C-alpha atoms as a PDB file:
ATOM      1  CA  UNK A   1      26.232 -15.673  15.311  1.00  0.00           C
ATOM      2  CA  UNK A   2      24.454 -19.083  15.858  1.00  0.00           C
ATOM      3  CA  UNK A   3      26.473 -22.007  15.260  1.00  0.00           C
ATOM      4  CA  UNK A   4      25.685 -24.541  12.306  1.00  0.00           C
ATOM      5  CA  UNK A   5      23.649 -26.941  14.567  1.00  0.00           C
ATOM      6  CA  UNK A   6      21.300 -24.121  15.945  1.00  0.00           C
ATOM      7  CA  UNK A   7      20.784 -22.842  12.592  1.00  0.00           C
ATOM      8  CA  UNK A   8      19.729 -26.322  11.353  1.00  0.00           C
ATOM      9  CA  UNK A   9      17.028 -26.423  13.750  1.00  0.00           C
ATOM     10  CA  UNK A  10      15.537 -23.221  14.791  1.00  0.00           C
ATOM     11  CA  UNK A  11      12.387 -22.649  16.456  1.00  0.00           C
ATOM     12  CA  UNK A  12       9.664 -21.553  14.011  1.00  0.00           C
ATOM     13  CA  UNK A  13       6.224 -20.590  15.213  1.00  0.00           C
ATOM     14  CA  UNK A  14       3.101 -19.268  13.447  1.00  0.00           C
ATOM     15  CA  UNK A  15       0.639 -16.956  15.376  1.00  0.00           C
ATOM     16  CA  UNK A  16      -2.179 -14.609  14.623  1.00  0.00           C
ATOM     17  CA  UNK A  17      -1.405 -12.509  17.486  1.00  0.00           C
ATOM     18  CA  UNK A  18       1.115 -10.037  16.210  1.00  0.00           C
ATOM     19  CA  UNK A  19       3.516  -8.625  18.922  1.00  0.00           C
ATOM     20  CA  UNK A  20       4.916  -5.190  17.928  1.00  0.00           C
ATOM     21  CA  UNK A  21       8.317  -5.901  19.189  1.00  0.00           C
ATOM     22  CA  UNK A  22       8.533  -8.990  17.230  1.00  0.00           C
ATOM     23  CA  UNK A  23       7.284  -7.383  14.110  1.00  0.00           C
ATOM     24  CA  UNK A  24       9.760  -4.489  14.618  1.00  0.00           C
ATOM     25  CA  UNK A  25      12.549  -7.203  14.323  1.00  0.00           C
ATOM     26  CA  UNK A  26      11.369  -7.998  10.563  1.00  0.00           C
ATOM     27  CA  UNK A  27      10.718  -4.326   9.769  1.00  0.00           C
ATOM     28  CA  UNK A  28      14.186  -3.026  11.188  1.00  0.00           C
ATOM     29  CA  UNK A  29      16.006  -5.769   9.431  1.00  0.00           C
ATOM     30  CA  UNK A  30      14.214  -5.106   6.150  1.00  0.00           C
ATOM     31  CA  UNK A  31      15.128  -1.257   6.593  1.00  0.00           C
ATOM     32  CA  UNK A  32      18.700  -1.983   7.267  1.00  0.00           C
ATOM     33  CA  UNK A  33      19.084  -4.394   4.340  1.00  0.00           C
ATOM     34  CA  UNK A  34      17.372  -1.866   1.917  1.00  0.00           C
ATOM     35  CA  UNK A  35      19.763   0.727   3.238  1.00  0.00           C
ATOM     36  CA  UNK A  36      22.747  -1.447   2.836  1.00  0.00           C
ATOM     37  CA  UNK A  37      21.580  -2.435  -0.801  1.00  0.00           C
ATOM     38  CA  UNK A  38      20.252   0.932  -2.236  1.00  0.00           C
ATOM     39  CA  UNK A  39      21.993   3.574   0.116  1.00  0.00           C
ATOM     40  CA  UNK A  40      18.620   4.891   1.289  1.00  0.00           C
ATOM     41  CA  UNK A  41      15.240   4.074   2.702  1.00  0.00           C
ATOM     42  CA  UNK A  42      12.296   6.371   1.970  1.00  0.00           C
ATOM     43  CA  UNK A  43       9.297   4.393   3.639  1.00  0.00           C
ATOM     44  CA  UNK A  44       6.465   6.762   4.574  1.00  0.00           C
ATOM     45  CA  UNK A  45       3.016   5.941   5.598  1.00  0.00           C
ATOM     46  CA  UNK A  46       0.175   7.242   3.629  1.00  0.00           C
ATOM     47  CA  UNK A  47      -3.467   7.738   4.568  1.00  0.00           C
ATOM     48  CA  UNK A  48      -6.443   9.609   3.032  1.00  0.00           C
ATOM     49  CA  UNK A  49      -9.452   9.833   5.459  1.00  0.00           C
ATOM     50  CA  UNK A  50     -13.131  10.573   4.714  1.00  0.00           C
ATOM     51  CA  UNK A  51     -14.832  12.272   7.657  1.00  0.00           C
ATOM     52  CA  UNK A  52     -18.703  12.685   8.199  1.00  0.00           C
ATOM     53  CA  UNK A  53     -19.143  16.343   7.764  1.00  0.00           C
ATOM     54  CA  UNK A  54     -21.636  16.382  10.769  1.00  0.00           C
ATOM     55  CA  UNK A  55     -19.675  14.342  13.314  1.00  0.00           C
ATOM     56  CA  UNK A  56     -16.043  14.693  12.142  1.00  0.00           C
ATOM     57  CA  UNK A  57     -15.681  11.071  12.493  1.00  0.00           C
ATOM     58  CA  UNK A  58     -13.690   9.025   9.951  1.00  0.00           C
ATOM     59  CA  UNK A  59     -15.949   6.873   8.020  1.00  0.00           C
ATOM     60  CA  UNK A  60     -13.537   5.535   5.336  1.00  0.00           C
ATOM     61  CA  UNK A  61     -10.503   6.206   3.284  1.00  0.00           C
ATOM     62  CA  UNK A  62      -7.365   4.565   2.463  1.00  0.00           C
ATOM     63  CA  UNK A  63      -4.128   3.856   3.883  1.00  0.00           C
ATOM     64  CA  UNK A  64      -0.851   2.483   2.728  1.00  0.00           C
ATOM     65  CA  UNK A  65       2.600   3.514   2.108  1.00  0.00           C
ATOM     66  CA  UNK A  66       4.999   4.992  -0.313  1.00  0.00           C
ATOM     67  CA  UNK A  67       8.644   3.835  -0.819  1.00  0.00           C
ATOM     68  CA  UNK A  68      11.201   3.527  -3.625  1.00  0.00           C
ATOM     69  CA  UNK A  69       8.997   5.592  -6.149  1.00  0.00           C
ATOM     70  CA  UNK A  70       5.750   3.480  -5.514  1.00  0.00           C
ATOM     71  CA  UNK A  71       2.681   4.379  -3.542  1.00  0.00           C
ATOM     72  CA  UNK A  72       0.881   1.061  -2.387  1.00  0.00           C
ATOM     73  CA  UNK A  73      -2.604   1.287  -1.184  1.00  0.00           C
ATOM     74  CA  UNK A  74      -3.059  -1.519   1.437  1.00  0.00           C
ATOM     75  CA  UNK A  75      -6.644  -0.886   2.498  1.00  0.00           C
ATOM     76  CA  UNK A  76      -9.374   1.207   0.849  1.00  0.00           C
ATOM     77  CA  UNK A  77     -12.961   1.345   2.342  1.00  0.00           C
ATOM     78  CA  UNK A  78     -16.058   3.560   1.927  1.00  0.00           C
ATOM     79  CA  UNK A  79     -19.479   2.414   3.530  1.00  0.00           C
ATOM     80  CA  UNK A  80     -21.949   1.392   0.977  1.00  0.00           C
ATOM     81  CA  UNK A  81     -24.062   4.464   1.404  1.00  0.00           C
ATOM     82  CA  UNK A  82     -21.153   6.635   0.611  1.00  0.00           C
ATOM     83  CA  UNK A  83     -20.308   5.049  -2.666  1.00  0.00           C
ATOM     84  CA  UNK A  84     -21.247   6.040  -6.111  1.00  0.00           C
ATOM     85  CA  UNK A  85     -20.960   9.780  -5.191  1.00  0.00           C
ATOM     86  CA  UNK A  86     -17.354  10.053  -6.663  1.00  0.00           C
ATOM     87  CA  UNK A  87     -15.941  10.303  -3.305  1.00  0.00           C
ATOM     88  CA  UNK A  88     -13.844   7.095  -3.877  1.00  0.00           C
ATOM     89  CA  UNK A  89     -12.536   8.836  -7.027  1.00  0.00           C
ATOM     90  CA  UNK A  90     -11.491  11.884  -5.055  1.00  0.00           C
ATOM     91  CA  UNK A  91      -9.763   9.862  -2.330  1.00  0.00           C
ATOM     92  CA  UNK A  92      -7.745   8.019  -5.082  1.00  0.00           C
ATOM     93  CA  UNK A  93      -6.856  11.246  -6.777  1.00  0.00           C
ATOM     94  CA  UNK A  94      -5.672  12.704  -3.356  1.00  0.00           C
ATOM     95  CA  UNK A  95      -3.416   9.481  -2.903  1.00  0.00           C
ATOM     96  CA  UNK A  96      -2.075   9.895  -6.315  1.00  0.00           C
ATOM     97  CA  UNK A  97      -1.356  13.540  -6.003  1.00  0.00           C
ATOM     98  CA  UNK A  98       0.460  12.980  -2.715  1.00  0.00           C
ATOM     99  CA  UNK A  99       2.316  10.230  -4.290  1.00  0.00           C
ATOM    100  CA  UNK A 100       3.455  12.730  -7.205  1.00  0.00           C
ATOM    101  CA  UNK A 101       4.352  15.189  -4.621  1.00  0.00           C
ATOM    102  CA  UNK A 102       6.531  12.348  -2.914  1.00  0.00           C
ATOM    103  CA  UNK A 103       8.201  11.802  -6.259  1.00  0.00           C
ATOM    104  CA  UNK A 104       6.436   8.524  -6.930  1.00  0.00           C
ATOM    105  CA  UNK A 105       5.833   7.386 -10.493  1.00  0.00           C
ATOM    106  CA  UNK A 106       3.497   4.473  -9.725  1.00  0.00           C
ATOM    107  CA  UNK A 107       0.638   3.547  -7.582  1.00  0.00           C
ATOM    108  CA  UNK A 108      -0.428  -0.045  -6.899  1.00  0.00           C
ATOM    109  CA  UNK A 109      -3.183  -1.950  -5.098  1.00  0.00           C
ATOM    110  CA  UNK A 110      -5.080  -5.196  -4.967  1.00  0.00           C
ATOM    111  CA  UNK A 111      -8.844  -5.773  -4.992  1.00  0.00           C
ATOM    112  CA  UNK A 112     -10.924  -8.933  -5.239  1.00  0.00           C
ATOM    113  CA  UNK A 113     -13.562  -9.731  -7.770  1.00  0.00           C
ATOM    114  CA  UNK A 114     -16.165  -9.108  -5.299  1.00  0.00           C
ATOM    115  CA  UNK A 115     -14.802  -5.556  -4.542  1.00  0.00           C
ATOM    116  CA  UNK A 116     -14.160  -3.027  -7.165  1.00  0.00           C
ATOM    117  CA  UNK A 117     -11.821  -3.785 -10.225  1.00  0.00           C
ATOM    118  CA  UNK A 118     -14.175  -2.008 -12.411  1.00  0.00           C
ATOM    119  CA  UNK A 119     -13.900   1.192 -10.456  1.00  0.00           C
ATOM    120  CA  UNK A 120     -10.213   1.087 -10.605  1.00  0.00           C
ATOM    121  CA  UNK A 121     -10.213   0.541 -14.364  1.00  0.00           C
ATOM    122  CA  UNK A 122     -12.225   3.597 -14.628  1.00  0.00           C
ATOM    123  CA  UNK A 123      -9.750   5.441 -12.753  1.00  0.00           C
ATOM    124  CA  UNK A 124      -7.007   4.172 -15.320  1.00  0.00           C
ATOM    125  CA  UNK A 125      -5.684   1.365 -13.352  1.00  0.00           C
ATOM    126  CA  UNK A 126      -4.357  -1.467 -15.340  1.00  0.00           C
ATOM    127  CA  UNK A 127      -4.623  -5.103 -14.239  1.00  0.00           C
ATOM    128  CA  UNK A 128      -1.040  -6.260 -13.896  1.00  0.00           C
ATOM    129  CA  UNK A 129      -1.845  -9.877 -12.721  1.00  0.00           C
ATOM    130  CA  UNK A 130      -4.657 -11.991 -11.458  1.00  0.00           C
ATOM    131  CA  UNK A 131      -4.721 -14.871  -8.981  1.00  0.00           C
ATOM    132  CA  UNK A 132      -7.614 -17.263  -8.436  1.00  0.00           C
ATOM    133  CA  UNK A 133      -8.771 -17.568  -4.813  1.00  0.00           C
ATOM    134  CA  UNK A 134     -11.087 -19.582  -2.826  1.00  0.00           C
ATOM    135  CA  UNK A 135     -14.026 -19.986  -2.847  1.00  0.00           C
ATOM    136  CA  UNK A 136     -13.924 -20.919  -6.599  1.00  0.00           C
ATOM    137  CA  UNK A 137     -14.902 -18.074  -8.805  1.00  0.00           C
ATOM    138  CA  UNK A 138     -13.201 -15.433  -6.448  1.00  0.00           C
ATOM    139  CA  UNK A 139     -10.186 -13.584  -8.044  1.00  0.00           C
ATOM    140  CA  UNK A 140      -7.678 -11.107  -6.733  1.00  0.00           C
ATOM    141  CA  UNK A 141      -6.616  -8.382  -9.034  1.00  0.00           C
ATOM    142  CA  UNK A 142      -3.165  -6.683  -8.821  1.00  0.00           C
ATOM    143  CA  UNK A 143      -3.610  -3.206 -10.380  1.00  0.00           C
ATOM    144  CA  UNK A 144      -1.077  -0.632 -11.230  1.00  0.00           C
ATOM    145  CA  UNK A 145      -1.373   3.020 -12.559  1.00  0.00           C
ATOM    146  CA  UNK A 146       1.609   5.200 -13.803  1.00  0.00           C
ATOM    147  CA  UNK A 147       1.664   8.815 -12.329  1.00  0.00           C
ATOM    148  CA  UNK A 148       2.913  11.570 -14.263  1.00  0.00           C
ATOM    149  CA  UNK A 149       4.726  14.119 -12.322  1.00  0.00           C
ATOM    150  CA  UNK A 150       3.214  17.509 -11.856  1.00  0.00           C
ATOM    151  CA  UNK A 151       5.096  20.704 -12.190  1.00  0.00           C
ATOM    152  CA  UNK A 152       5.529  20.908  -8.521  1.00  0.00           C
ATOM    153  CA  UNK A 153       6.896  17.278  -8.038  1.00  0.00           C
ATOM    154  CA  UNK A 154      10.239  16.162  -8.609  1.00  0.00           C
ATOM    155  CA  UNK A 155      11.704  12.584  -8.776  1.00  0.00           C
ATOM    156  CA  UNK A 156      12.209  10.828  -5.438  1.00  0.00           C
ATOM    157  CA  UNK A 157      15.288  12.048  -3.886  1.00  0.00           C
ATOM    158  CA  UNK A 158      17.195   9.221  -1.977  1.00  0.00           C
ATOM    159  CA  UNK A 159      17.581  10.123   1.757  1.00  0.00           C
ATOM    160  CA  UNK A 160      19.072   8.036   4.578  1.00  0.00           C
ATOM    161  CA  UNK A 161      16.829   6.041   6.789  1.00  0.00           C
END
């Protein structure tokens, strides 16, 4: 354990070059902390991909995670020419259903005012909070939707990490 003098003056750096071993120190530390506080850790990555039917290549979709009863969508993208054909609605529905299957009761995401807050509202997502961004006039929306459990799903069962 570091002595008090070292703790008073740690080397703190900032970077935009994320080293996977350094990032693992943070994620592994959080995992151990969550496990010590809750008795389980149920983090699972989640991705829903949209593939071009002719090439089989991924052209969009979403990815995020589930943990502690929540699906979180970190990224969601469809090319402009693939929008407005209900593909986005289908992608969200698949993510929501997978969340239910995992025992999640909520799904959350963020979007910018220049992206798709209206689209998410049409999918029954509620605005939980907004934050003004730069440049002036740009707003980030924090949105959430409750997921009712289906007949095949059960509440999340805690499991060891």
